[in-house]
Structure formats: C-alpha cells, structure tokens
C-alpha cells in the first residue's frame, strides 16, 4: 500500500481539505470538462486530472474548505467569459453545498508567524488543518512547509504522476 493510500485510509472518515487550485479544477470540470485545458486558470491540468480528482474526493466522507478558499475560487472563476460565466455560477451555487466550510477569524490567522510568509488563505489552511484533515493542494511551497511541520498533505501533482 502506497503512502498516499495509507493517508487516504487514515483520513477517510475525518475528511480531506481541498486548496484553491484543486477546488477550481473540480468546479470547472464539473461544469464542463472541455473548459479545463482552455480556461487560463486550469490550463495546467488535463481532463484526466479532473477524473482522478473526482475519484479521490469521492473516497472521503467529507470534503472541507474555507470561505477564503471559496472566495478565491469565485474570483478566479469570474475570469470566465460570458455567457459561460453566468451558467457556471448557476452550477457553482448548487455545487458548493457539497462542501463543508470551516471558518477561522482573520485576526487569529494574522497573529500567526506563517501569515507573513503565506498570506491569509494559506495561513488559515495551516491554522485549521493540523492533525485534523488530510490536505490536498498543488502549491509546492505550502505542501513542503506542511510536510516539514508534520502535517499530512498530498501534493496533487504527485498523484497526477502516480495516476492514483
């Protein structure tokens, strides 16, 4: 059993925490997989990455994120052109109900040493997830930091290579 499989088993019931770019891939692909290689914010992915992501997320009992991450996803999605943008947001409004949101006050995150290094959203990820969820990100710098801090994290790019 691979390390990724072991982590998935360990967090199956508690859940997986999904970072911005991965969540954006999920929503864009759920709307129209053909947009993945065309939309500038998901162009680094391929359609098969969305299929892999669906398999991963469906394994866990819950998928967790933060309002800050959803705000980033919304802002990035807003770069879609019309009329696609409006149709996408109609679907997004129902799809976000599938997620569990965890909130942390910005003032609490602002007091963390990681805030200066990572900013509000990623420092919030660090604050909320330690020992609580498996983190799925494609942010190399964040994943390396979390790993060095003993936080369970999977860099989605490693899964893409392994084709989980």
N, C-alpha and C. Protein backbone atom coordinates (compact mmCIF):
# COMPACT_ATOMS: atom_id res chain seq x y z
N UNK A 1 0.85 -1.18 0.00
CA UNK A 1 0.00 0.00 0.00
C UNK A 1 0.90 1.25 0.00
N UNK A 2 0.64 2.17 -0.90
CA UNK A 2 1.46 3.37 -1.01
C UNK A 2 1.19 4.34 0.14
N UNK A 3 2.07 5.31 0.29
CA UNK A 3 1.90 6.32 1.33
C UNK A 3 0.61 7.11 1.11
N UNK A 4 0.29 7.41 -0.15
CA UNK A 4 -0.94 8.13 -0.46
C UNK A 4 -2.16 7.31 -0.06
N UNK A 5 -2.13 6.02 -0.35
CA UNK A 5 -3.24 5.13 0.04
C UNK A 5 -3.38 5.07 1.56
N UNK A 6 -2.26 5.00 2.26
CA UNK A 6 -2.29 4.96 3.73
C UNK A 6 -2.90 6.24 4.30
N UNK A 7 -2.50 7.38 3.75
CA UNK A 7 -3.06 8.65 4.21
C UNK A 7 -4.56 8.71 3.93
N UNK A 8 -4.96 8.27 2.75
CA UNK A 8 -6.38 8.28 2.40
C UNK A 8 -7.18 7.42 3.38
N UNK A 9 -6.67 6.24 3.70
CA UNK A 9 -7.36 5.37 4.66
C UNK A 9 -7.46 6.03 6.03
N UNK A 10 -6.39 6.67 6.46
CA UNK A 10 -6.35 7.30 7.78
C UNK A 10 -7.38 8.43 7.90
N UNK A 11 -7.61 9.16 6.81
CA UNK A 11 -8.48 10.33 6.87
C UNK A 11 -9.84 10.13 6.18
N UNK A 12 -10.14 8.92 5.80
CA UNK A 12 -11.40 8.64 5.09
C UNK A 12 -12.60 9.22 5.81
N UNK A 13 -12.70 9.01 7.10
CA UNK A 13 -13.87 9.47 7.85
C UNK A 13 -13.77 10.92 8.28
N UNK A 14 -12.58 11.39 8.63
CA UNK A 14 -12.46 12.77 9.09
C UNK A 14 -12.50 13.76 7.94
N UNK A 15 -11.99 13.37 6.77
CA UNK A 15 -12.15 14.20 5.59
C UNK A 15 -10.86 14.70 4.97
N UNK A 16 -11.05 15.28 3.80
CA UNK A 16 -9.94 15.85 3.03
C UNK A 16 -10.21 17.35 2.87
N UNK A 17 -9.16 18.12 3.06
CA UNK A 17 -9.23 19.57 2.94
C UNK A 17 -8.65 19.96 1.59
N UNK A 18 -9.43 20.69 0.78
CA UNK A 18 -9.04 20.98 -0.60
C UNK A 18 -8.67 22.45 -0.76
N UNK A 19 -7.49 22.69 -1.34
CA UNK A 19 -6.97 24.03 -1.56
C UNK A 19 -7.52 24.62 -2.87
N UNK A 20 -7.24 25.88 -3.10
CA UNK A 20 -7.85 26.68 -4.16
C UNK A 20 -7.77 26.11 -5.57
N UNK A 21 -6.58 25.88 -6.08
CA UNK A 21 -6.47 25.44 -7.48
C UNK A 21 -7.12 24.09 -7.73
N UNK A 22 -7.06 23.23 -6.74
CA UNK A 22 -7.67 21.90 -6.88
C UNK A 22 -9.19 22.02 -6.86
N UNK A 23 -9.69 22.88 -6.00
CA UNK A 23 -11.13 23.11 -5.95
C UNK A 23 -11.62 23.77 -7.23
N UNK A 24 -10.83 24.68 -7.77
CA UNK A 24 -11.18 25.31 -9.05
C UNK A 24 -11.24 24.26 -10.16
N UNK A 25 -10.27 23.37 -10.20
CA UNK A 25 -10.28 22.27 -11.17
C UNK A 25 -11.56 21.44 -11.01
N UNK A 26 -11.92 21.15 -9.79
CA UNK A 26 -13.12 20.37 -9.52
C UNK A 26 -14.37 21.05 -10.09
N UNK A 27 -14.55 22.33 -9.76
CA UNK A 27 -15.76 23.04 -10.19
C UNK A 27 -15.80 23.28 -11.70
N UNK A 28 -14.68 23.68 -12.28
CA UNK A 28 -14.64 23.90 -13.73
C UNK A 28 -14.94 22.59 -14.45
N UNK A 29 -14.31 21.50 -14.01
CA UNK A 29 -14.55 20.20 -14.63
C UNK A 29 -15.96 19.70 -14.44
N UNK A 30 -16.55 19.97 -13.28
CA UNK A 30 -17.93 19.56 -13.02
C UNK A 30 -18.89 20.31 -13.94
N UNK A 31 -18.53 21.54 -14.29
CA UNK A 31 -19.35 22.34 -15.19
C UNK A 31 -19.17 21.88 -16.64
N UNK A 32 -17.91 21.78 -17.07
CA UNK A 32 -17.63 21.38 -18.44
C UNK A 32 -16.15 20.98 -18.54
N UNK A 33 -15.90 19.68 -18.61
CA UNK A 33 -14.52 19.20 -18.66
C UNK A 33 -13.73 19.77 -19.83
N UNK A 34 -14.40 20.12 -20.90
CA UNK A 34 -13.72 20.69 -22.06
C UNK A 34 -13.11 22.06 -21.77
N UNK A 35 -13.59 22.72 -20.71
CA UNK A 35 -13.03 24.03 -20.35
C UNK A 35 -11.67 23.91 -19.65
N UNK A 36 -11.39 22.76 -19.08
CA UNK A 36 -10.16 22.60 -18.28
C UNK A 36 -8.92 23.04 -19.05
N UNK A 37 -8.65 22.52 -20.25
CA UNK A 37 -7.43 22.95 -20.94
C UNK A 37 -7.55 24.33 -21.61
N UNK A 38 -8.76 24.88 -21.67
CA UNK A 38 -8.97 26.16 -22.35
C UNK A 38 -8.95 27.36 -21.40
N UNK A 39 -9.44 27.17 -20.19
CA UNK A 39 -9.54 28.26 -19.22
C UNK A 39 -8.15 28.53 -18.65
N UNK A 40 -7.73 29.78 -18.66
CA UNK A 40 -6.35 30.10 -18.28
C UNK A 40 -6.01 29.69 -16.85
N UNK A 41 -6.99 29.60 -15.98
CA UNK A 41 -6.73 29.25 -14.58
C UNK A 41 -6.68 27.75 -14.33
N UNK A 42 -7.06 26.94 -15.31
CA UNK A 42 -6.99 25.48 -15.16
C UNK A 42 -6.18 24.84 -16.28
N UNK A 43 -5.59 25.63 -17.10
CA UNK A 43 -4.86 25.16 -18.29
C UNK A 43 -3.69 24.23 -17.94
N UNK A 44 -3.18 24.31 -16.70
CA UNK A 44 -2.06 23.44 -16.32
C UNK A 44 -2.53 22.00 -16.07
N UNK A 45 -3.85 21.79 -16.07
CA UNK A 45 -4.42 20.47 -15.85
C UNK A 45 -4.94 19.90 -17.17
N UNK A 46 -5.20 18.60 -17.15
CA UNK A 46 -5.85 17.94 -18.28
C UNK A 46 -7.15 17.31 -17.78
N UNK A 47 -7.99 16.90 -18.70
CA UNK A 47 -9.29 16.34 -18.34
C UNK A 47 -9.12 15.13 -17.41
N UNK A 48 -8.11 14.32 -17.65
CA UNK A 48 -7.88 13.13 -16.81
C UNK A 48 -7.59 13.51 -15.37
N UNK A 49 -7.01 14.69 -15.15
CA UNK A 49 -6.77 15.16 -13.78
C UNK A 49 -8.09 15.35 -13.03
N UNK A 50 -9.08 15.85 -13.74
CA UNK A 50 -10.40 16.02 -13.12
C UNK A 50 -10.99 14.66 -12.75
N UNK A 51 -10.83 13.70 -13.63
CA UNK A 51 -11.33 12.34 -13.35
C UNK A 51 -10.64 11.76 -12.12
N UNK A 52 -9.33 11.94 -12.03
CA UNK A 52 -8.58 11.48 -10.85
C UNK A 52 -9.09 12.19 -9.61
N UNK A 53 -9.29 13.49 -9.71
CA UNK A 53 -9.75 14.28 -8.56
C UNK A 53 -11.12 13.80 -8.08
N UNK A 54 -12.02 13.52 -8.99
CA UNK A 54 -13.35 13.00 -8.62
C UNK A 54 -13.21 11.69 -7.85
N UNK A 55 -12.35 10.82 -8.33
CA UNK A 55 -12.12 9.53 -7.64
C UNK A 55 -11.59 9.76 -6.23
N UNK A 56 -10.66 10.68 -6.10
CA UNK A 56 -10.08 10.96 -4.78
C UNK A 56 -11.14 11.51 -3.84
N UNK A 57 -11.83 12.56 -4.25
CA UNK A 57 -12.79 13.22 -3.37
C UNK A 57 -13.94 12.30 -2.99
N UNK A 58 -14.36 11.44 -3.91
CA UNK A 58 -15.48 10.54 -3.61
C UNK A 58 -15.11 9.48 -2.58
N UNK A 59 -13.83 9.26 -2.37
CA UNK A 59 -13.38 8.29 -1.38
C UNK A 59 -13.63 8.77 0.05
N UNK A 60 -13.60 10.08 0.27
CA UNK A 60 -13.68 10.64 1.61
C UNK A 60 -15.13 10.93 2.01
N UNK A 61 -15.39 10.77 3.32
CA UNK A 61 -16.73 11.02 3.84
C UNK A 61 -17.10 12.50 3.80
N UNK A 62 -16.10 13.37 3.86
CA UNK A 62 -16.40 14.80 3.70
C UNK A 62 -15.24 15.53 3.05
N UNK A 63 -15.61 16.57 2.33
CA UNK A 63 -14.66 17.44 1.64
C UNK A 63 -14.79 18.81 2.29
N UNK A 64 -13.67 19.32 2.74
CA UNK A 64 -13.67 20.53 3.57
C UNK A 64 -12.86 21.63 2.90
N UNK A 65 -13.29 22.87 3.10
CA UNK A 65 -12.54 24.03 2.64
C UNK A 65 -12.88 25.21 3.55
N UNK A 66 -12.44 26.38 3.16
CA UNK A 66 -12.71 27.59 3.95
C UNK A 66 -13.45 28.61 3.08
N UNK A 67 -14.12 29.56 3.72
CA UNK A 67 -14.71 30.66 2.95
C UNK A 67 -13.65 31.43 2.15
N UNK A 68 -12.45 31.56 2.68
CA UNK A 68 -11.38 32.28 1.96
C UNK A 68 -11.03 31.56 0.67
N UNK A 69 -10.93 30.24 0.72
CA UNK A 69 -10.62 29.47 -0.49
C UNK A 69 -11.77 29.58 -1.48
N UNK A 70 -12.99 29.49 -1.01
CA UNK A 70 -14.13 29.62 -1.92
C UNK A 70 -14.19 31.01 -2.54
N UNK A 71 -13.79 32.02 -1.80
CA UNK A 71 -13.72 33.37 -2.36
C UNK A 71 -12.69 33.43 -3.48
N UNK A 72 -11.53 32.83 -3.25
CA UNK A 72 -10.51 32.79 -4.30
C UNK A 72 -11.01 32.04 -5.52
N UNK A 73 -11.67 30.91 -5.31
CA UNK A 73 -12.22 30.14 -6.42
C UNK A 73 -13.24 30.98 -7.19
N UNK A 74 -14.10 31.68 -6.47
CA UNK A 74 -15.09 32.53 -7.11
C UNK A 74 -14.43 33.64 -7.93
N UNK A 75 -13.43 34.28 -7.35
CA UNK A 75 -12.74 35.36 -8.05
C UNK A 75 -12.03 34.85 -9.31
N UNK A 76 -11.36 33.71 -9.21
CA UNK A 76 -10.69 33.14 -10.38
C UNK A 76 -11.71 32.70 -11.43
N UNK A 77 -12.81 32.12 -10.99
CA UNK A 77 -13.86 31.69 -11.91
C UNK A 77 -14.50 32.86 -12.63
N UNK A 78 -14.51 34.00 -11.98
CA UNK A 78 -15.10 35.20 -12.57
C UNK A 78 -14.40 35.64 -13.84
N UNK A 79 -13.23 35.06 -14.11
CA UNK A 79 -12.49 35.39 -15.32
C UNK A 79 -13.00 34.64 -16.55
N UNK A 80 -13.97 33.75 -16.35
CA UNK A 80 -14.61 33.10 -17.48
C UNK A 80 -15.39 34.15 -18.27
N UNK A 81 -15.44 34.01 -19.56
CA UNK A 81 -16.21 34.94 -20.38
C UNK A 81 -17.69 34.60 -20.38
N UNK A 82 -18.50 35.59 -20.68
CA UNK A 82 -19.94 35.38 -20.80
C UNK A 82 -20.24 34.74 -22.15
N UNK A 83 -21.26 33.96 -22.27
CA UNK A 83 -22.29 33.61 -21.30
C UNK A 83 -21.91 32.44 -20.40
N UNK A 84 -20.72 31.86 -20.62
CA UNK A 84 -20.26 30.70 -19.84
C UNK A 84 -20.21 31.05 -18.35
N UNK A 85 -19.71 32.23 -18.03
CA UNK A 85 -19.55 32.64 -16.64
C UNK A 85 -20.86 32.54 -15.86
N UNK A 86 -21.92 33.09 -16.42
CA UNK A 86 -23.22 33.08 -15.72
C UNK A 86 -23.74 31.66 -15.53
N UNK A 87 -23.62 30.83 -16.56
CA UNK A 87 -24.06 29.44 -16.44
C UNK A 87 -23.21 28.68 -15.42
N UNK A 88 -21.93 28.93 -15.43
CA UNK A 88 -21.02 28.30 -14.48
C UNK A 88 -21.42 28.67 -13.04
N UNK A 89 -21.67 29.95 -12.79
CA UNK A 89 -22.01 30.37 -11.43
C UNK A 89 -23.35 29.80 -10.97
N UNK A 90 -24.27 29.56 -11.89
CA UNK A 90 -25.52 28.90 -11.51
C UNK A 90 -25.23 27.51 -10.97
N UNK A 91 -24.36 26.79 -11.68
CA UNK A 91 -24.00 25.44 -11.23
C UNK A 91 -23.17 25.49 -9.95
N UNK A 92 -22.25 26.42 -9.87
CA UNK A 92 -21.40 26.55 -8.69
C UNK A 92 -22.24 26.77 -7.44
N UNK A 93 -23.30 27.54 -7.55
CA UNK A 93 -24.13 27.83 -6.38
C UNK A 93 -24.73 26.56 -5.77
N UNK A 94 -25.00 25.57 -6.59
CA UNK A 94 -25.50 24.31 -6.03
C UNK A 94 -24.36 23.37 -5.64
N UNK A 95 -23.26 23.40 -6.40
CA UNK A 95 -22.13 22.50 -6.11
C UNK A 95 -21.45 22.81 -4.79
N UNK A 96 -21.41 24.07 -4.38
CA UNK A 96 -20.71 24.39 -3.14
C UNK A 96 -21.43 23.84 -1.91
N UNK A 97 -22.68 23.46 -2.07
CA UNK A 97 -23.40 22.86 -0.94
C UNK A 97 -22.86 21.47 -0.61
N UNK A 98 -22.06 20.89 -1.50
CA UNK A 98 -21.48 19.57 -1.26
C UNK A 98 -20.26 19.62 -0.33
N UNK A 99 -19.80 20.83 -0.05
CA UNK A 99 -18.60 21.01 0.76
C UNK A 99 -18.95 21.39 2.19
N UNK A 100 -18.04 21.09 3.09
CA UNK A 100 -18.15 21.60 4.45
C UNK A 100 -17.16 22.75 4.57
N UNK A 101 -17.63 23.86 5.11
CA UNK A 101 -16.76 25.02 5.28
C UNK A 101 -16.36 25.15 6.74
N UNK A 102 -15.08 25.41 6.94
CA UNK A 102 -14.58 25.70 8.28
C UNK A 102 -14.09 27.14 8.26
N UNK A 103 -14.41 27.85 9.29
CA UNK A 103 -14.09 29.27 9.37
C UNK A 103 -13.07 29.51 10.47
N UNK A 104 -12.15 30.40 10.20
CA UNK A 104 -11.24 30.89 11.22
C UNK A 104 -11.18 32.40 11.07
N UNK A 105 -11.22 33.09 12.17
CA UNK A 105 -11.19 34.55 12.15
C UNK A 105 -9.86 35.05 11.58
N UNK A 106 -9.94 36.02 10.70
CA UNK A 106 -8.73 36.58 10.08
C UNK A 106 -7.78 37.14 11.12
N UNK A 107 -8.32 37.71 12.18
CA UNK A 107 -7.44 38.27 13.21
C UNK A 107 -6.63 37.19 13.92
N UNK A 108 -7.20 36.00 14.05
CA UNK A 108 -6.45 34.89 14.64
C UNK A 108 -5.32 34.45 13.72
N UNK A 109 -5.61 34.37 12.43
CA UNK A 109 -4.61 33.98 11.44
C UNK A 109 -3.53 35.05 11.34
N UNK A 110 -3.93 36.29 11.45
CA UNK A 110 -2.99 37.41 11.34
C UNK A 110 -1.92 37.41 12.42
N UNK A 111 -2.16 36.73 13.52
CA UNK A 111 -1.19 36.65 14.61
C UNK A 111 -0.20 35.50 14.44
N UNK A 112 -0.42 34.68 13.45
CA UNK A 112 0.46 33.54 13.22
C UNK A 112 1.74 33.99 12.51
N UNK A 113 2.84 33.33 12.83
CA UNK A 113 4.09 33.64 12.12
C UNK A 113 3.99 33.28 10.65
N UNK A 114 3.19 32.29 10.31
CA UNK A 114 3.02 31.86 8.92
C UNK A 114 2.27 32.89 8.07
N UNK A 115 1.55 33.79 8.71
CA UNK A 115 0.78 34.79 7.98
C UNK A 115 1.68 35.64 7.08
N UNK A 116 2.80 36.08 7.61
CA UNK A 116 3.72 36.92 6.84
C UNK A 116 4.28 36.16 5.65
N UNK A 117 4.54 34.89 5.84
CA UNK A 117 5.14 34.07 4.78
C UNK A 117 4.14 33.63 3.72
N UNK A 118 2.91 33.31 4.15
CA UNK A 118 1.95 32.68 3.24
C UNK A 118 0.72 33.51 2.93
N UNK A 119 0.41 34.51 3.72
CA UNK A 119 -0.80 35.28 3.50
C UNK A 119 -2.00 34.65 4.20
N UNK A 120 -3.12 35.31 4.09
CA UNK A 120 -4.32 34.95 4.84
C UNK A 120 -4.86 33.56 4.52
N UNK A 121 -5.05 33.26 3.26
CA UNK A 121 -5.68 31.99 2.90
C UNK A 121 -4.85 30.79 3.32
N UNK A 122 -3.57 30.77 2.95
CA UNK A 122 -2.73 29.61 3.27
C UNK A 122 -2.42 29.52 4.76
N UNK A 123 -2.26 30.65 5.42
CA UNK A 123 -2.06 30.60 6.88
C UNK A 123 -3.32 30.05 7.55
N UNK A 124 -4.47 30.37 7.00
CA UNK A 124 -5.72 29.81 7.52
C UNK A 124 -5.77 28.30 7.34
N UNK A 125 -5.25 27.82 6.22
CA UNK A 125 -5.18 26.37 5.98
C UNK A 125 -4.31 25.73 7.07
N UNK A 126 -3.18 26.33 7.34
CA UNK A 126 -2.26 25.82 8.35
C UNK A 126 -2.94 25.81 9.71
N UNK A 127 -3.62 26.87 10.04
CA UNK A 127 -4.30 27.03 11.33
C UNK A 127 -5.38 25.96 11.53
N UNK A 128 -6.16 25.72 10.49
CA UNK A 128 -7.33 24.83 10.61
C UNK A 128 -7.04 23.35 10.51
N UNK A 129 -6.00 22.97 9.84
CA UNK A 129 -5.89 21.57 9.42
C UNK A 129 -4.94 20.71 10.24
N UNK A 130 -4.10 21.28 11.02
CA UNK A 130 -3.09 20.48 11.75
C UNK A 130 -3.72 19.30 12.47
N UNK A 131 -3.40 18.10 12.00
CA UNK A 131 -3.87 16.88 12.64
C UNK A 131 -5.35 16.60 12.47
N UNK A 132 -6.03 17.44 11.73
CA UNK A 132 -7.48 17.31 11.62
C UNK A 132 -7.92 16.69 10.30
N UNK A 133 -7.30 17.13 9.20
CA UNK A 133 -7.67 16.68 7.86
C UNK A 133 -6.42 16.37 7.05
N UNK A 134 -6.62 15.56 6.03
CA UNK A 134 -5.60 15.39 5.01
C UNK A 134 -5.75 16.56 4.05
N UNK A 135 -4.67 17.20 3.70
CA UNK A 135 -4.71 18.38 2.84
C UNK A 135 -4.33 17.98 1.42
N UNK A 136 -5.11 18.47 0.46
CA UNK A 136 -4.83 18.25 -0.96
C UNK A 136 -4.60 19.61 -1.61
N UNK A 137 -3.40 19.81 -2.12
CA UNK A 137 -3.01 21.08 -2.73
C UNK A 137 -2.11 20.81 -3.91
N UNK A 138 -1.93 21.81 -4.74
CA UNK A 138 -0.91 21.73 -5.79
C UNK A 138 0.16 22.79 -5.55
N UNK A 139 0.08 23.45 -4.41
CA UNK A 139 1.01 24.51 -4.04
C UNK A 139 2.26 23.86 -3.42
N UNK A 140 3.33 23.82 -4.19
CA UNK A 140 4.55 23.15 -3.75
C UNK A 140 5.10 23.75 -2.46
N UNK A 141 5.16 25.08 -2.40
CA UNK A 141 5.73 25.75 -1.23
C UNK A 141 4.92 25.43 0.03
N UNK A 142 3.60 25.49 -0.08
CA UNK A 142 2.74 25.18 1.05
C UNK A 142 2.86 23.71 1.44
N UNK A 143 2.85 22.82 0.47
CA UNK A 143 2.93 21.38 0.79
C UNK A 143 4.26 21.04 1.45
N UNK A 144 5.34 21.65 0.99
CA UNK A 144 6.65 21.40 1.60
C UNK A 144 6.67 21.90 3.04
N UNK A 145 6.12 23.06 3.27
CA UNK A 145 6.08 23.61 4.63
C UNK A 145 5.25 22.70 5.54
N UNK A 146 4.07 22.33 5.09
CA UNK A 146 3.20 21.47 5.90
C UNK A 146 3.87 20.14 6.20
N UNK A 147 4.49 19.57 5.20
CA UNK A 147 5.18 18.29 5.39
C UNK A 147 6.29 18.43 6.43
N UNK A 148 7.06 19.51 6.34
CA UNK A 148 8.15 19.71 7.30
C UNK A 148 7.63 19.98 8.71
N UNK A 149 6.38 20.46 8.80
CA UNK A 149 5.77 20.71 10.11
C UNK A 149 5.02 19.49 10.63
N UNK A 150 5.10 18.38 9.90
CA UNK A 150 4.46 17.15 10.35
C UNK A 150 2.97 17.07 10.06
N UNK A 151 2.49 17.90 9.13
CA UNK A 151 1.08 17.90 8.76
C UNK A 151 0.91 16.99 7.54
N UNK A 152 -0.12 16.17 7.55
CA UNK A 152 -0.36 15.25 6.45
C UNK A 152 -0.91 16.01 5.25
N UNK A 153 -0.17 15.95 4.16
CA UNK A 153 -0.51 16.69 2.95
C UNK A 153 -0.15 15.86 1.73
N UNK A 154 -0.95 16.00 0.70
CA UNK A 154 -0.64 15.39 -0.59
C UNK A 154 -0.60 16.51 -1.62
N UNK A 155 0.49 16.54 -2.36
CA UNK A 155 0.58 17.46 -3.48
C UNK A 155 -0.08 16.77 -4.67
N UNK A 156 -1.12 17.38 -5.20
CA UNK A 156 -1.88 16.78 -6.29
C UNK A 156 -1.00 16.44 -7.49
N UNK A 157 0.06 17.19 -7.69
CA UNK A 157 0.96 16.91 -8.81
C UNK A 157 1.63 15.54 -8.66
N UNK A 158 1.84 15.10 -7.42
CA UNK A 158 2.40 13.77 -7.19
C UNK A 158 1.39 12.68 -7.54
N UNK A 159 0.13 12.95 -7.28
CA UNK A 159 -0.92 11.99 -7.63
C UNK A 159 -1.06 11.91 -9.14
N UNK A 160 -0.98 13.05 -9.79
CA UNK A 160 -1.09 13.08 -11.25
C UNK A 160 -0.03 12.17 -11.86
N UNK A 161 1.17 12.23 -11.31
CA UNK A 161 2.26 11.42 -11.83
C UNK A 161 2.00 9.93 -11.54
N UNK A 162 1.53 9.65 -10.32
CA UNK A 162 1.28 8.27 -9.93
C UNK A 162 -0.04 7.74 -10.50
N UNK A 163 -0.91 8.68 -10.97
CA UNK A 163 -2.23 8.34 -11.51
C UNK A 163 -3.01 7.48 -10.53
N UNK A 164 -3.27 8.04 -9.36
CA UNK A 164 -3.90 7.35 -8.23
C UNK A 164 -5.16 6.67 -8.57
